[in-house]
PDB file of N, CA and C in Angstrom:
ATOM      1  N   MET A   1      -3.232  11.517 -10.014  1.00  0.00           N
ATOM      2  CA  MET A   1      -2.476  10.497  -9.326  1.00  0.00           C
ATOM      3  C   MET A   1      -2.557  10.698  -7.816  1.00  0.00           C
ATOM      4  N   TYR A   2      -2.398  11.945  -7.389  1.00  0.00           N
ATOM      5  CA  TYR A   2      -2.434  12.208  -5.955  1.00  0.00           C
ATOM      6  C   TYR A   2      -3.811  11.895  -5.376  1.00  0.00           C
ATOM      7  N   GLY A   3      -4.866  12.198  -6.129  1.00  0.00           N
ATOM      8  CA  GLY A   3      -6.219  11.917  -5.656  1.00  0.00           C
ATOM      9  C   GLY A   3      -6.451  10.436  -5.441  1.00  0.00           C
ATOM     10  N   SER A   4      -5.941   9.619  -6.342  1.00  0.00           N
ATOM     11  CA  SER A   4      -6.081   8.163  -6.197  1.00  0.00           C
ATOM     12  C   SER A   4      -5.326   7.667  -4.971  1.00  0.00           C
ATOM     13  N   ALA A   5      -4.129   8.176  -4.776  1.00  0.00           N
ATOM     14  CA  ALA A   5      -3.336   7.768  -3.616  1.00  0.00           C
ATOM     15  C   ALA A   5      -4.015   8.209  -2.322  1.00  0.00           C
ATOM     16  N   ALA A   6      -4.535   9.437  -2.300  1.00  0.00           N
ATOM     17  CA  ALA A   6      -5.203   9.937  -1.100  1.00  0.00           C
ATOM     18  C   ALA A   6      -6.449   9.120  -0.785  1.00  0.00           C
ATOM     19  N   THR A   7      -7.179   8.716  -1.816  1.00  0.00           N
ATOM     20  CA  THR A   7      -8.366   7.888  -1.608  1.00  0.00           C
ATOM     21  C   THR A   7      -7.987   6.554  -0.981  1.00  0.00           C
ATOM     22  N   CYS A   8      -6.962   5.916  -1.503  1.00  0.00           N
ATOM     23  CA  CYS A   8      -6.506   4.633  -0.945  1.00  0.00           C
ATOM     24  C   CYS A   8      -6.037   4.795   0.494  1.00  0.00           C
ATOM     25  N   ILE A   9      -5.313   5.860   0.764  1.00  0.00           N
ATOM     26  CA  ILE A   9      -4.819   6.102   2.118  1.00  0.00           C
ATOM     27  C   ILE A   9      -5.985   6.273   3.089  1.00  0.00           C
ATOM     28  N   GLN A  10      -6.993   7.041   2.682  1.00  0.00           N
ATOM     29  CA  GLN A  10      -8.144   7.266   3.562  1.00  0.00           C
ATOM     30  C   GLN A  10      -8.936   5.988   3.796  1.00  0.00           C
ATOM     31  N   LEU A  11      -9.152   5.212   2.750  1.00  0.00           N
ATOM     32  CA  LEU A  11      -9.908   3.963   2.892  1.00  0.00           C
ATOM     33  C   LEU A  11      -9.178   2.964   3.786  1.00  0.00           C
ATOM     34  N   MET A  12      -7.885   2.815   3.579  1.00  0.00           N
ATOM     35  CA  MET A  12      -7.122   1.879   4.403  1.00  0.00           C
ATOM     36  C   MET A  12      -6.998   2.390   5.838  1.00  0.00           C
ATOM     37  N   GLY A  13      -6.898   3.699   6.011  1.00  0.00           N
ATOM     38  CA  GLY A  13      -6.855   4.261   7.355  1.00  0.00           C
ATOM     39  C   GLY A  13      -8.152   4.041   8.111  1.00  0.00           C
ATOM     40  N   ALA A  14      -9.262   4.041   7.384  1.00  0.00           N
ATOM     41  CA  ALA A  14     -10.562   3.803   8.013  1.00  0.00           C
ATOM     42  C   ALA A  14     -10.784   2.322   8.295  1.00  0.00           C
ATOM     43  N   ALA A  15     -10.325   1.457   7.408  1.00  0.00           N
ATOM     44  CA  ALA A  15     -10.570   0.017   7.551  1.00  0.00           C
ATOM     45  C   ALA A  15      -9.527  -0.673   8.430  1.00  0.00           C
ATOM     46  N   GLY A  16      -8.358  -0.094   8.562  1.00  0.00           N
ATOM     47  CA  GLY A  16      -7.261  -0.731   9.282  1.00  0.00           C
ATOM     48  C   GLY A  16      -7.553  -1.113  10.720  1.00  0.00           C
ATOM     49  N   PRO A  17      -8.073  -0.195  11.535  1.00  0.00           N
ATOM     50  CA  PRO A  17      -8.325  -0.563  12.937  1.00  0.00           C
ATOM     51  C   PRO A  17      -9.315  -1.717  13.086  1.00  0.00           C
ATOM     52  N   GLY A  18     -10.361  -1.736  12.283  1.00  0.00           N
ATOM     53  CA  GLY A  18     -11.315  -2.846  12.345  1.00  0.00           C
ATOM     54  C   GLY A  18     -10.690  -4.157  11.914  1.00  0.00           C
ATOM     55  N   PHE A  19      -9.880  -4.099  10.875  1.00  0.00           N
ATOM     56  CA  PHE A  19      -9.190  -5.290  10.381  1.00  0.00           C
ATOM     57  C   PHE A  19      -8.222  -5.823  11.435  1.00  0.00           C
ATOM     58  N   PHE A  20      -7.435  -4.921  12.036  1.00  0.00           N
ATOM     59  CA  PHE A  20      -6.495  -5.342  13.078  1.00  0.00           C
ATOM     60  C   PHE A  20      -7.230  -5.861  14.298  1.00  0.00           C
ATOM     61  N   GLY A  21      -8.354  -5.239  14.644  1.00  0.00           N
ATOM     62  CA  GLY A  21      -9.146  -5.709  15.776  1.00  0.00           C
ATOM     63  C   GLY A  21      -9.701  -7.103  15.547  1.00  0.00           C
ATOM     64  N   ALA A  22     -10.180  -7.359  14.324  1.00  0.00           N
ATOM     65  CA  ALA A  22     -10.699  -8.693  13.999  1.00  0.00           C
ATOM     66  C   ALA A  22      -9.586  -9.736  14.058  1.00  0.00           C
ATOM     67  N   LEU A  23      -8.413  -9.402  13.553  1.00  0.00           N
ATOM     68  CA  LEU A  23      -7.288 -10.334  13.628  1.00  0.00           C
ATOM     69  C   LEU A  23      -6.834 -10.546  15.070  1.00  0.00           C
ATOM     70  N   TYR A  24      -6.865  -9.491  15.868  1.00  0.00           N
ATOM     71  CA  TYR A  24      -6.507  -9.630  17.285  1.00  0.00           C
ATOM     72  C   TYR A  24      -7.478 -10.582  17.985  1.00  0.00           C
ATOM     73  N   ASP A  25      -8.777 -10.393  17.733  1.00  0.00           N
ATOM     74  CA  ASP A  25      -9.778 -11.272  18.344  1.00  0.00           C
ATOM     75  C   ASP A  25      -9.626 -12.710  17.867  1.00  0.00           C
ATOM     76  N   ARG A  26      -9.303 -12.882  16.609  1.00  0.00           N
ATOM     77  CA  ARG A  26      -9.187 -14.227  16.028  1.00  0.00           C
ATOM     78  C   ARG A  26      -7.967 -14.976  16.565  1.00  0.00           C
ATOM     79  N   PHE A  27      -6.826 -14.269  16.661  1.00  0.00           N
ATOM     80  CA  PHE A  27      -5.568 -14.925  17.022  1.00  0.00           C
ATOM     81  C   PHE A  27      -5.118 -14.652  18.456  1.00  0.00           C
ATOM     82  N   GLY A  28      -5.764 -13.732  19.163  1.00  0.00           N
ATOM     83  CA  GLY A  28      -5.443 -13.487  20.560  1.00  0.00           C
ATOM     84  C   GLY A  28      -4.193 -12.665  20.806  1.00  0.00           C
ATOM     85  N   GLY A  29      -3.704 -11.974  19.820  1.00  0.00           N
ATOM     86  CA  GLY A  29      -2.517 -11.143  19.998  1.00  0.00           C
ATOM     87  C   GLY A  29      -2.266 -10.303  18.762  1.00  0.00           C
ATOM     88  N   TYR A  30      -1.273  -9.447  18.862  1.00  0.00           N
ATOM     89  CA  TYR A  30      -0.946  -8.567  17.741  1.00  0.00           C
ATOM     90  C   TYR A  30       0.141  -9.118  16.832  1.00  0.00           C
ATOM     91  N   GLY A  31       0.689 -10.279  17.142  1.00  0.00           N
ATOM     92  CA  GLY A  31       1.734 -10.863  16.297  1.00  0.00           C
ATOM     93  C   GLY A  31       1.271 -11.109  14.868  1.00  0.00           C
ATOM     94  N   PRO A  32       0.201 -11.870  14.657  1.00  0.00           N
ATOM     95  CA  PRO A  32      -0.265 -12.114  13.289  1.00  0.00           C
ATOM     96  C   PRO A  32      -0.686 -10.846  12.540  1.00  0.00           C
ATOM     97  N   PRO A  33      -1.415  -9.900  13.175  1.00  0.00           N
ATOM     98  CA  PRO A  33      -1.739  -8.677  12.437  1.00  0.00           C
ATOM     99  C   PRO A  33      -0.500  -7.893  12.012  1.00  0.00           C
ATOM    100  N   LEU A  34       0.517  -7.872  12.866  1.00  0.00           N
ATOM    101  CA  LEU A  34       1.738  -7.157  12.498  1.00  0.00           C
ATOM    102  C   LEU A  34       2.490  -7.869  11.379  1.00  0.00           C
ATOM    103  N   LEU A  35       2.432  -9.194  11.352  1.00  0.00           N
ATOM    104  CA  LEU A  35       3.038  -9.935  10.240  1.00  0.00           C
ATOM    105  C   LEU A  35       2.307  -9.639   8.934  1.00  0.00           C
ATOM    106  N   VAL A  36       0.985  -9.553   8.988  1.00  0.00           N
ATOM    107  CA  VAL A  36       0.202  -9.206   7.792  1.00  0.00           C
ATOM    108  C   VAL A  36       0.574  -7.804   7.321  1.00  0.00           C
ATOM    109  N   ALA A  37       0.659  -6.852   8.245  1.00  0.00           N
ATOM    110  CA  ALA A  37       1.026  -5.487   7.879  1.00  0.00           C
ATOM    111  C   ALA A  37       2.426  -5.429   7.280  1.00  0.00           C
ATOM    112  N   THR A  38       3.355  -6.182   7.846  1.00  0.00           N
ATOM    113  CA  THR A  38       4.717  -6.222   7.319  1.00  0.00           C
ATOM    114  C   THR A  38       4.735  -6.795   5.909  1.00  0.00           C
ATOM    115  N   ALA A  39       3.984  -7.867   5.692  1.00  0.00           N
ATOM    116  CA  ALA A  39       3.927  -8.473   4.359  1.00  0.00           C
ATOM    117  C   ALA A  39       3.340  -7.498   3.344  1.00  0.00           C
ATOM    118  N   LEU A  40       2.310  -6.753   3.734  1.00  0.00           N
ATOM    119  CA  LEU A  40       1.718  -5.769   2.822  1.00  0.00           C
ATOM    120  C   LEU A  40       2.689  -4.634   2.516  1.00  0.00           C
ATOM    121  N   GLU A  41       3.445  -4.201   3.518  1.00  0.00           N
ATOM    122  CA  GLU A  41       4.443  -3.148   3.294  1.00  0.00           C
ATOM    123  C   GLU A  41       5.543  -3.612   2.342  1.00  0.00           C
ATOM    124  N   VAL A  42       6.016  -4.828   2.533  1.00  0.00           N
ATOM    125  CA  VAL A  42       7.059  -5.377   1.657  1.00  0.00           C
ATOM    126  C   VAL A  42       6.524  -5.533   0.235  1.00  0.00           C
ATOM    127  N   ALA A  43       5.291  -6.009   0.104  1.00  0.00           N
ATOM    128  CA  ALA A  43       4.693  -6.156  -1.227  1.00  0.00           C
ATOM    129  C   ALA A  43       4.544  -4.798  -1.904  1.00  0.00           C
ATOM    130  N   GLY A  44       4.125  -3.792  -1.152  1.00  0.00           N
ATOM    131  CA  GLY A  44       4.002  -2.450  -1.716  1.00  0.00           C
ATOM    132  C   GLY A  44       5.339  -1.880  -2.155  1.00  0.00           C
ATOM    133  N   ALA A  45       6.363  -2.083  -1.348  1.00  0.00           N
ATOM    134  CA  ALA A  45       7.699  -1.605  -1.709  1.00  0.00           C
ATOM    135  C   ALA A  45       8.207  -2.306  -2.964  1.00  0.00           C
ATOM    136  N   ALA A  46       7.952  -3.613  -3.061  1.00  0.00           N
ATOM    137  CA  ALA A  46       8.384  -4.359  -4.248  1.00  0.00           C
ATOM    138  C   ALA A  46       7.659  -3.862  -5.491  1.00  0.00           C
ATOM    139  N   LEU A  47       6.368  -3.578  -5.366  1.00  0.00           N
ATOM    140  CA  LEU A  47       5.622  -3.049  -6.511  1.00  0.00           C
ATOM    141  C   LEU A  47       6.165  -1.698  -6.947  1.00  0.00           C
ATOM    142  N   LEU A  48       6.519  -0.856  -5.990  1.00  0.00           N
ATOM    143  CA  LEU A  48       7.079   0.446  -6.343  1.00  0.00           C
ATOM    144  C   LEU A  48       8.441   0.310  -7.006  1.00  0.00           C
ATOM    145  N   LEU A  49       9.281  -0.562  -6.472  1.00  0.00           N
ATOM    146  CA  LEU A  49      10.625  -0.713  -7.024  1.00  0.00           C
ATOM    147  C   LEU A  49      10.614  -1.348  -8.409  1.00  0.00           C
ATOM    148  N   TYR A  50       9.857  -2.418  -8.562  1.00  0.00           N
ATOM    149  CA  TYR A  50       9.872  -3.139  -9.830  1.00  0.00           C
ATOM    150  C   TYR A  50       8.874  -2.585 -10.832  1.00  0.00           C
ATOM    151  N   GLY A  51       7.866  -1.885 -10.375  1.00  0.00           N
ATOM    152  CA  GLY A  51       6.895  -1.289 -11.284  1.00  0.00           C
ATOM    153  C   GLY A  51       7.442  -0.054 -11.977  1.00  0.00           C
ATOM    154  N   ALA A  52       8.413   0.614 -11.382  1.00  0.00           N
ATOM    155  CA  ALA A  52       8.972   1.833 -11.955  1.00  0.00           C
ATOM    156  C   ALA A  52       9.879   1.548 -13.145  1.00  0.00           C
ATOM    157  N   ARG A  53      10.273   0.310 -13.343  1.00  0.00           N
ATOM    158  CA  ARG A  53      11.177  -0.001 -14.455  1.00  0.00           C
ATOM    159  C   ARG A  53      10.532   0.251 -15.810  1.00  0.00           C
ATOM    160  N   GLY A  54       9.233   0.147 -15.893  1.00  0.00           N
ATOM    161  CA  GLY A  54       8.552   0.358 -17.163  1.00  0.00           C
ATOM    162  C   GLY A  54       8.325   1.827 -17.490  1.00  0.00           C
ATOM    163  N   ALA A  55       8.509   2.724 -16.534  1.00  0.00           N
ATOM    164  CA  ALA A  55       8.289   4.147 -16.762  1.00  0.00           C
ATOM    165  C   ALA A  55       9.433   4.719 -17.591  1.00  0.00           C
ATOM    166  N   ARG A  56       9.068   5.568 -18.508  1.00  0.00           N
ATOM    167  CA  ARG A  56      10.081   6.203 -19.364  1.00  0.00           C
ATOM    168  C   ARG A  56       9.896   7.704 -19.346  1.00  0.00           C
ATOM    169  N   ALA A  57      10.988   8.407 -19.518  1.00  0.00           N
ATOM    170  CA  ALA A  57      10.929   9.864 -19.586  1.00  0.00           C
ATOM    171  C   ALA A  57      10.295  10.276 -20.907  1.00  0.00           C
ATOM    172  N   PRO A  58       9.531  11.371 -20.911  1.00  0.00           N
ATOM    173  CA  PRO A  58       8.927  11.824 -22.167  1.00  0.00           C
ATOM    174  C   PRO A  58      10.006  12.237 -23.164  1.00  0.00           C
ATOM    175  N   SER A  59       9.715  12.044 -24.426  1.00  0.00           N
ATOM    176  CA  SER A  59      10.698  12.400 -25.453  1.00  0.00           C
ATOM    177  C   SER A  59      10.802  13.913 -25.574  1.00  0.00           C
ATOM    178  N   ALA A  60      11.930  14.382 -26.064  1.00  0.00           N
ATOM    179  CA  ALA A  60      12.186  15.816 -26.183  1.00  0.00           C
ATOM    180  C   ALA A  60      11.332  16.458 -27.265  1.00  0.00           C
ATOM    181  N   SER A  61      10.765  15.688 -28.190  1.00  0.00           N
ATOM    182  CA  SER A  61       9.995  16.257 -29.290  1.00  0.00           C
ATOM    183  C   SER A  61       8.602  16.709 -28.857  1.00  0.00           C
ATOM    184  N   ARG A  62       8.147  16.276 -27.704  1.00  0.00           N
ATOM    185  CA  ARG A  62       6.816  16.677 -27.239  1.00  0.00           C
ATOM    186  C   ARG A  62       6.897  18.037 -26.563  1.00  0.00           C
ATOM    187  N   THR A  63       5.980  18.906 -26.894  1.00  0.00           N
ATOM    188  CA  THR A  63       5.930  20.228 -26.273  1.00  0.00           C
ATOM    189  C   THR A  63       4.567  20.435 -25.641  1.00  0.00           C
ATOM    190  N   ALA A  64       4.503  21.342 -24.697  1.00  0.00           N
ATOM    191  CA  ALA A  64       3.242  21.594 -23.995  1.00  0.00           C
ATOM    192  C   ALA A  64       2.350  22.525 -24.752  1.00  0.00           C
TER     193      ALA A  64
END
């Protein structure tokens, strides 16, 4: 799980500046790129909050 998260973090960290630069050039300011980033953060938080409802604790009968 951690490896998948680290991979996503590295890829987005590498692509983010270019993406923000392209949006800055397209719209002439940082307002729209920051709105996009805010929307992505809110969507990620919603996925974490509502996606965790399906997770269940392992039953006591399982042993290692």
